[in-house]
Amino acid sequence: MIEQDTVKLLRECDAGIKMGVSAIDDVLGRVKNNTLREQLADCKVEHEKIRGEVQDALNRFHDTGKNPNIFASSMSKMKTTVMMGFKESDKTVADLITDGCNMGVKSLNRYLNQYKAADETAKDITKRLSKLEEDLATDIRTFL
């Protein structure tokens, strides 16, 4: 049970990180403010560092990870395209990223509760990823 929950939790982290990095990539080139651009770029780097840890952990279980849900990815890209089409601004970017961070934190905490038997390493990775999302949402509030 521990191994099964650990792998499932790590897979969800993997999918969430891929979704978060994709969302940042979708807006990064449109950001005008240097501070906001740096915050997003730094957060992307941190996501990728954690993804490396997730991949290392999954490799120990001979698992390749998980891609984000195709429907969720498509909806996210569509929302970004529509909102940026109406008003391409740093405020819109901050709004989109904040919504994504909030959904990420919610999902990660749901998975922590769902996969209670996961090992402490996987739980720690999940908590750090959740904190990264929380911090980004807080840091970019000044742009809302």
Protein backbone atom coordinates (compact mmCIF):
# COMPACT_ATOMS: atom_id res chain seq x y z
CA MET A 1 0.00 0.00 0.00
CA ILE A 2 2.83 2.42 0.82
CA GLU A 3 4.50 1.88 -2.55
CA GLN A 4 1.22 2.18 -4.45
CA ASP A 5 0.19 5.43 -2.71
CA THR A 6 3.72 6.82 -3.08
CA VAL A 7 3.76 6.22 -6.83
CA LYS A 8 0.26 7.67 -7.26
CA LEU A 9 1.15 10.79 -5.27
CA LEU A 10 4.37 11.29 -7.21
CA ARG A 11 2.51 10.86 -10.50
CA GLU A 12 0.06 13.58 -9.53
CA CYS A 13 2.96 15.87 -8.62
CA ASP A 14 4.54 15.12 -11.99
CA ALA A 15 1.34 15.97 -13.87
CA GLY A 16 0.82 19.12 -11.80
CA ILE A 17 4.34 20.34 -12.40
CA LYS A 18 4.00 19.79 -16.14
CA MET A 19 0.73 21.72 -16.08
CA GLY A 20 2.25 24.59 -14.07
CA VAL A 21 5.34 24.89 -16.27
CA SER A 22 3.15 24.85 -19.38
CA ALA A 23 0.96 27.61 -17.94
CA ILE A 24 4.00 29.76 -17.16
CA ASP A 25 5.38 29.13 -20.65
CA ASP A 26 2.04 30.18 -22.16
CA VAL A 27 2.23 33.65 -20.59
CA LEU A 28 5.90 34.39 -19.95
CA GLY A 29 6.55 35.95 -23.35
CA ARG A 30 3.65 38.34 -22.88
CA VAL A 31 4.72 39.75 -19.50
CA LYS A 32 5.76 43.38 -19.61
CA ASN A 33 6.90 43.96 -16.02
CA ASN A 34 10.44 42.72 -15.30
CA THR A 35 9.66 41.79 -11.69
CA LEU A 36 6.67 39.67 -12.67
CA ARG A 37 8.66 38.05 -15.48
CA GLU A 38 11.49 37.20 -13.04
CA GLN A 39 9.07 35.80 -10.46
CA LEU A 40 7.47 33.54 -13.06
CA ALA A 41 10.82 32.46 -14.50
CA ASP A 42 12.21 31.72 -11.03
CA CYS A 43 9.12 29.73 -10.13
CA LYS A 44 9.45 27.75 -13.35
CA VAL A 45 13.04 26.88 -12.44
CA GLU A 46 11.92 25.74 -8.98
CA HIS A 47 9.15 23.63 -10.52
CA GLU A 48 11.72 21.99 -12.77
CA LYS A 49 14.01 21.27 -9.80
CA ILE A 50 11.17 19.57 -7.96
CA ARG A 51 10.25 17.70 -11.14
CA GLY A 52 13.79 16.30 -11.15
CA GLU A 53 13.22 15.00 -7.60
CA VAL A 54 9.88 13.53 -8.64
CA GLN A 55 11.48 11.80 -11.62
CA ASP A 56 14.28 10.41 -9.46
CA ALA A 57 11.74 9.05 -7.00
CA LEU A 58 9.56 7.59 -9.74
CA ASN A 59 12.61 5.97 -11.35
CA ARG A 60 13.19 4.04 -8.12
CA PHE A 61 9.76 2.49 -8.68
CA HIS A 62 10.39 2.00 -12.42
CA ASP A 63 7.59 4.44 -13.24
CA THR A 64 7.65 7.05 -15.98
CA GLY A 65 5.26 9.55 -14.40
CA LYS A 66 2.06 11.07 -15.64
CA ASN A 67 1.04 13.72 -18.11
CA PRO A 68 -1.66 16.25 -17.22
CA ASN A 69 -5.23 15.42 -18.12
CA ILE A 70 -5.68 16.35 -21.77
CA PHE A 71 -9.04 18.01 -21.08
CA ALA A 72 -7.63 20.12 -18.23
CA SER A 73 -4.62 21.13 -20.35
CA SER A 74 -6.81 22.09 -23.27
CA MET A 75 -9.17 24.11 -21.09
CA SER A 76 -6.25 25.92 -19.47
CA LYS A 77 -4.74 26.86 -22.83
CA MET A 78 -8.15 27.96 -24.13
CA LYS A 79 -8.78 30.12 -21.07
CA THR A 80 -5.36 31.73 -21.45
CA THR A 81 -5.93 32.41 -25.15
CA VAL A 82 -9.37 33.92 -24.57
CA MET A 83 -8.42 36.06 -21.57
CA MET A 84 -5.20 37.32 -23.14
CA GLY A 85 -7.14 38.01 -26.34
CA PHE A 86 -9.54 40.29 -24.47
CA LYS A 87 -6.88 42.10 -22.47
CA GLU A 88 -3.23 41.25 -22.78
CA SER A 89 -1.77 42.71 -19.61
CA ASP A 90 0.27 41.78 -16.57
CA LYS A 91 -2.95 41.93 -14.56
CA THR A 92 -4.46 39.23 -16.77
CA VAL A 93 -1.30 37.12 -16.47
CA ALA A 94 -1.35 37.45 -12.68
CA ASP A 95 -5.04 36.53 -12.62
CA LEU A 96 -4.50 33.42 -14.76
CA ILE A 97 -1.46 32.25 -12.81
CA THR A 98 -3.15 32.89 -9.46
CA ASP A 99 -6.13 30.77 -10.52
CA GLY A 100 -3.75 28.01 -11.63
CA CYS A 101 -1.80 28.15 -8.38
CA ASN A 102 -4.99 27.96 -6.33
CA MET A 103 -6.18 24.94 -8.29
CA GLY A 104 -2.76 23.35 -7.88
CA VAL A 105 -2.73 23.84 -4.11
CA LYS A 106 -6.25 22.46 -3.84
CA SER A 107 -5.41 19.39 -5.94
CA LEU A 108 -2.12 18.69 -4.16
CA ASN A 109 -3.79 18.81 -0.76
CA ARG A 110 -6.59 16.54 -2.00
CA TYR A 111 -3.97 14.03 -3.19
CA LEU A 112 -2.11 14.24 0.13
CA ASN A 113 -5.36 13.30 1.87
CA GLN A 114 -6.18 10.61 -0.68
CA TYR A 115 -2.77 8.89 -0.63
CA LYS A 116 -2.16 8.90 3.11
CA ALA A 117 0.02 5.79 2.98
CA ALA A 118 2.59 7.46 0.68
CA ASP A 119 6.10 7.59 2.07
CA GLU A 120 7.39 10.72 3.77
CA THR A 121 9.65 11.66 0.86
CA ALA A 122 6.70 11.84 -1.54
CA LYS A 123 4.64 13.77 1.01
CA ASP A 124 7.50 16.22 1.54
CA ILE A 125 7.85 16.80 -2.21
CA THR A 126 4.10 17.39 -2.46
CA LYS A 127 4.11 19.86 0.44
CA ARG A 128 7.05 21.78 -1.01
CA LEU A 129 5.34 21.95 -4.39
CA SER A 130 2.14 23.19 -2.75
CA LYS A 131 4.12 25.84 -0.84
CA LEU A 132 5.79 26.94 -4.08
CA GLU A 133 2.36 27.43 -5.64
CA GLU A 134 1.06 29.29 -2.57
CA ASP A 135 4.09 31.56 -2.51
CA LEU A 136 3.81 32.43 -6.19
CA ALA A 137 0.13 33.31 -5.82
CA THR A 138 1.02 35.55 -2.88
CA ASP A 139 4.02 37.14 -4.58
CA ILE A 140 2.12 38.20 -7.69
CA ARG A 141 -0.87 39.72 -5.88
CA THR A 142 0.52 43.20 -6.45
CA PHE A 143 -0.12 42.69 -10.17
CA LEU A 144 -3.83 41.81 -9.80
